[in-house]
Every structure is written in structure tokens, then in C-alpha cells.
Protein backbone atom coordinates (compact mmCIF):
# COMPACT_ATOMS: atom_id res chain seq x y z
CA MET A 1 147.55 20.59 -72.86
CA LEU A 2 144.77 22.61 -74.57
CA GLU A 3 145.04 26.38 -74.69
CA LEU A 4 143.03 29.24 -76.13
CA LYS A 5 145.27 32.30 -75.96
CA SER A 6 144.15 35.92 -76.42
CA VAL A 7 141.19 34.77 -78.49
CA LYS A 8 138.82 37.32 -79.98
CA LYS A 9 135.47 36.32 -81.47
CA SER A 10 132.58 38.52 -82.56
CA PHE A 11 129.28 38.00 -84.32
CA GLY A 12 127.66 40.86 -86.20
CA GLY A 13 129.88 43.40 -84.52
CA ILE A 14 129.13 42.09 -81.02
CA ASN A 15 132.21 40.84 -79.19
CA VAL A 16 131.68 37.52 -77.46
CA PHE A 17 135.34 37.24 -76.51
CA GLU A 18 137.79 40.14 -76.51
CA LYS A 19 140.94 38.58 -75.01
CA LEU A 20 139.93 35.11 -73.86
CA THR A 21 142.63 32.90 -72.37
CA PHE A 22 141.65 29.39 -71.29
CA GLN A 23 144.04 26.60 -70.32
CA LEU A 24 143.05 22.99 -69.72
CA GLU A 25 145.60 20.65 -68.19
CA LYS A 26 145.75 16.87 -68.52
CA GLY A 27 143.11 15.21 -66.36
CA GLU A 28 141.53 18.49 -65.27
CA ARG A 29 137.74 18.53 -64.84
CA VAL A 30 136.23 21.96 -65.32
CA GLY A 31 132.62 23.09 -65.08
CA LEU A 32 131.67 26.14 -67.11
CA THR A 33 128.54 28.16 -66.43
CA GLY A 34 127.10 31.56 -67.26
CA GLY A 35 124.03 33.22 -68.73
CA ASN A 36 122.81 32.90 -72.31
CA GLY A 37 125.08 34.70 -74.75
CA THR A 38 128.19 34.60 -72.57
CA GLY A 39 130.03 32.34 -74.98
CA LYS A 40 129.96 28.90 -73.38
CA SER A 41 129.12 27.00 -76.57
CA THR A 42 131.25 29.40 -78.59
CA LEU A 43 134.27 28.37 -76.54
CA ILE A 44 133.58 24.70 -77.34
CA ASN A 45 133.04 25.47 -81.03
CA LEU A 46 136.36 27.32 -81.16
CA ALA A 47 138.28 24.58 -79.36
CA THR A 48 136.88 21.85 -81.62
CA GLY A 49 137.23 23.61 -84.96
CA PHE A 50 133.59 24.43 -85.66
CA LEU A 51 134.44 28.15 -85.43
CA LEU A 52 137.59 30.10 -86.21
CA PRO A 53 138.69 32.96 -83.94
CA ASP A 54 139.02 36.46 -85.33
CA GLU A 55 142.33 36.71 -83.48
CA GLY A 56 144.41 34.59 -81.12
CA GLU A 57 145.85 31.10 -80.85
CA ILE A 58 144.35 27.69 -80.17
CA ASN A 59 146.91 25.00 -79.38
CA PHE A 60 146.81 21.35 -78.38
CA GLY A 61 150.18 20.55 -76.94
CA ASN A 62 152.67 21.99 -79.44
CA LEU A 63 150.21 21.79 -82.34
CA SER A 64 148.12 24.69 -83.61
CA LEU A 65 144.50 23.73 -84.27
CA LEU A 66 143.67 26.82 -86.34
CA ASN A 67 144.09 25.19 -89.75
CA LEU A 68 142.50 21.86 -88.90
CA LYS A 69 139.00 20.63 -89.68
CA PRO A 70 136.73 19.42 -86.84
CA TRP A 71 137.20 15.78 -87.85
CA GLN A 72 140.99 16.20 -87.78
CA ILE A 73 140.81 17.73 -84.31
CA ALA A 74 138.57 14.85 -83.20
CA LYS A 75 141.15 12.35 -84.50
CA LEU A 76 143.76 14.05 -82.33
CA GLY A 77 141.60 13.20 -79.31
CA VAL A 78 139.61 16.40 -78.75
CA ARG A 79 135.99 15.24 -78.75
CA ARG A 80 132.60 16.76 -77.97
CA ASN A 81 128.86 16.27 -77.89
CA PHE A 82 126.24 18.76 -79.08
CA GLN A 83 123.32 20.51 -77.41
CA SER A 84 121.11 19.16 -80.21
CA VAL A 85 121.71 15.43 -80.52
CA ARG A 86 123.41 14.49 -83.80
CA LEU A 87 122.57 10.88 -84.57
CA SER A 88 121.52 9.33 -87.87
CA ASP A 89 117.80 8.62 -88.03
CA SER A 90 118.42 5.67 -90.36
CA LEU A 91 120.76 3.66 -88.09
CA VAL A 92 120.06 1.81 -84.86
CA LEU A 93 122.15 2.96 -81.93
CA LYS A 94 124.63 0.08 -81.96
CA ASP A 95 125.60 0.98 -85.54
CA GLN A 96 126.40 4.57 -84.56
CA PHE A 97 129.38 3.93 -82.31
CA PHE A 98 131.67 3.87 -85.37
CA VAL A 99 134.22 1.67 -83.62
CA SER A 100 135.14 -1.98 -84.09
CA GLU A 101 132.92 -4.74 -82.76
CA GLN A 102 135.78 -5.80 -80.52
CA LYS A 103 135.90 -2.31 -79.02
CA ILE A 104 132.20 -2.60 -78.19
CA LEU A 105 132.70 -6.07 -76.67
CA ASP A 106 135.58 -4.78 -74.57
CA ASN A 107 133.34 -2.03 -73.18
CA LEU A 108 130.09 -3.92 -72.59
CA GLU A 109 130.17 -3.12 -68.88
CA MET A 110 130.38 0.62 -69.55
CA ILE A 111 127.59 0.38 -72.13
CA GLU A 112 125.39 -1.50 -69.67
CA VAL A 113 126.07 0.88 -66.78
CA SER A 114 125.28 3.83 -69.03
CA GLY A 115 121.71 2.55 -69.29
CA ILE A 116 121.52 2.32 -73.08
CA LYS A 117 122.10 -1.42 -73.54
CA GLY A 118 118.38 -2.10 -73.92
CA PHE A 119 118.11 0.49 -76.69
CA LEU A 120 121.00 -0.62 -78.92
CA ASP A 121 118.72 -2.19 -81.52
CA ARG A 122 116.40 0.81 -81.67
CA PHE A 123 116.42 3.82 -83.96
CA PRO A 124 116.89 7.27 -82.40
CA SER A 125 113.20 8.10 -82.97
CA GLU A 126 112.34 5.16 -80.70
CA CYS A 127 114.52 6.32 -77.81
CA PRO A 128 113.92 8.93 -75.08
CA LEU A 129 116.10 12.04 -75.13
CA PRO A 130 118.23 11.10 -72.08
CA ILE A 131 119.25 7.86 -73.83
CA LEU A 132 120.29 9.77 -76.95
CA ARG A 133 122.34 12.23 -74.90
CA LYS A 134 124.06 9.35 -73.11
CA MET A 135 124.68 7.69 -76.48
CA GLU A 136 126.63 10.71 -77.72
CA VAL A 137 128.74 10.78 -74.57
CA LEU A 138 129.35 7.04 -74.72
CA ARG A 139 130.36 7.24 -78.38
CA ALA A 140 132.93 9.89 -77.52
CA LEU A 141 134.28 7.84 -74.60
CA LEU A 142 134.74 4.76 -76.80
CA SER A 143 137.21 6.80 -78.88
CA CYS A 144 139.41 7.24 -75.76
CA PRO A 145 139.60 11.05 -75.98
CA SER A 146 142.35 13.14 -74.46
CA VAL A 147 139.91 16.06 -74.09
CA LEU A 148 136.12 15.81 -73.83
CA PHE A 149 133.73 18.78 -74.07
CA LEU A 150 130.16 18.14 -72.94
CA ASP A 151 127.66 20.86 -73.88
CA GLU A 152 124.60 20.66 -71.60
CA PRO A 153 124.72 16.84 -71.49
CA SER A 154 122.04 16.52 -68.79
CA ALA A 155 119.34 18.64 -70.47
CA GLY A 156 116.03 16.83 -70.06
CA PHE A 157 117.28 14.58 -67.23
CA SER A 158 115.33 14.09 -64.05
CA ARG A 159 117.15 14.59 -60.75
CA THR A 160 117.59 10.83 -60.39
CA GLU A 161 118.88 10.50 -63.95
CA LEU A 162 121.29 13.38 -63.37
CA ASN A 163 122.72 11.73 -60.25
CA GLU A 164 123.12 8.40 -62.05
CA PHE A 165 124.74 10.12 -65.03
CA SER A 166 127.15 11.95 -62.72
CA GLN A 167 128.26 8.68 -61.17
CA PHE A 168 128.70 7.18 -64.64
CA LEU A 169 130.99 10.06 -65.69
CA ILE A 170 133.00 9.80 -62.49
CA GLN A 171 133.45 6.05 -62.96
CA TYR A 172 134.20 5.85 -66.66
CA ILE A 173 136.00 9.01 -67.70
CA PRO A 174 139.70 8.14 -67.31
CA THR A 175 141.67 10.27 -64.89
CA SER A 176 143.99 11.18 -67.78
CA THR A 177 141.12 12.65 -69.85
CA SER A 178 140.54 16.38 -69.52
CA LEU A 179 136.86 17.25 -69.17
CA VAL A 180 134.89 20.46 -69.68
CA ILE A 181 131.19 20.46 -68.85
CA VAL A 182 129.01 23.38 -69.91
CA GLU A 183 125.76 23.44 -67.98
CA HIS A 184 123.05 25.68 -66.61
CA ARG A 185 122.34 23.02 -63.97
CA THR A 186 125.26 23.35 -61.59
CA GLU A 187 124.44 20.10 -59.75
CA LEU A 188 126.20 18.00 -62.39
CA MET A 189 129.32 20.16 -62.35
CA GLU A 190 129.43 20.17 -58.56
CA LEU A 191 129.39 16.37 -58.51
CA VAL A 192 131.84 15.71 -61.36
CA CYS A 193 134.19 18.68 -61.72
CA THR A 194 137.15 19.75 -59.62
CA LYS A 195 136.93 23.37 -60.81
CA ASN A 196 133.92 25.47 -61.68
CA TRP A 197 134.23 28.65 -63.71
CA GLY A 198 131.79 31.43 -64.44
CA LEU A 199 131.85 32.88 -67.95
CA PHE A 200 130.76 36.49 -68.16
CA PHE A 201 130.09 38.39 -71.35
CA ASN A 202 133.23 40.03 -72.76
CA GLU A 203 135.21 39.38 -69.57
CA PRO A 204 137.90 36.88 -68.54
CA LEU A 205 136.92 33.53 -67.08
CA ARG A 206 136.31 33.62 -63.34
CA ILE A 207 136.35 30.84 -60.78
CA ILE A 208 133.05 30.59 -58.91
């Protein structure tokens, strides 16, 4: 479904990827780990249009993503969150879903189970970090993505919060949605993902 083929990417003369090939099939759930600087977030940025490769192909089905903007790729169903939460400080949470009111009503159970229902009328500055991270994930899920990239979604979570969040992802991410989780904390990936990969600097992906 989504493929990065023979991708090369360097920054300041330092190669992050030399010949990266990464394939994600429909409904696959992959955990991606590795040390700092191994290219985990770079892979997400490439797949979602926030970076362009120096060489190689990035395809979604039969469509090349190389000439598309991030918002165009998102409209195709390839969605993501960010390590640093990106929410508007001037809007309460319920106004940042950017979907119809009916869509929100149809998904009230998911919103409640996520744990953010009690914060919907609050501004981001009034909410704890785990709520904001869940908000970004929930906003992506409400768009019914075909592919979802989560970049360190459990950063700042307690062990209990991480377990609850894992169960939420298992319950509410459709089986048809492909999922990639990038994490340093392998507990989340072990609970949610069917495959875990190690990403090593300037080397191919490896299953771990």
C-alpha cells in the first residue's frame, strides 16, 4: 500500500538513509525503534511529505507522493501526529477536530474512552500533556485514515496511562488501517504492533 523505495536522504553531508526500502501493507501494525539520529522521524517526514528524498520513490498504491504537499497526502488518508503537539492555543479542544458535528456525535464513545471528554471545552494550555497527545491521535482517527504514523505518542505517559492508551489504540484503530508507531518505549509497540523493527543508522530496516 505505502512504499518507500531506494530512498536516500542526507543532512549536511551526513547520510541518514542510503538505500532505504520500507513497505507497509493494508492493516499492518509496525513498531519502529532505534537510537537518536537513526532516522525514525525522518522516515515519517518523508512518507507524509514534510521532507523530500534526495533520491528514490515514495508511492501510495499506484500514486507517487513526491510532488504532493503534506495536506494533499493527508487528504489521501496518510495521517500523522507530531512529537511536539501542534494544537492552536486560541481554540478549545472540541473546535480542533476539524470534522462535522455529526462526525463527533457519531464517535462520542471513542472520545469518551480516550479520556479527553472532560477537557473538550478547555484550551490546550489548560490540559495536561497526555490529553493533548491523545487529542492529536483522536483527531487523526476521526478522519478515518488509511495509514497512521504515530511519532512517540506516549511520551510523558505513566505506565498506567500507557496501558490504557494501548488498549484504546487496539480497540479503535480499524483493522484496515495501517499503523506505524515510532517509540523509545517498546512497551507500547509490544502491546499494539504485530511487527517490530529496529532502525539502524545508514543500514536497512531490521526486524527485532
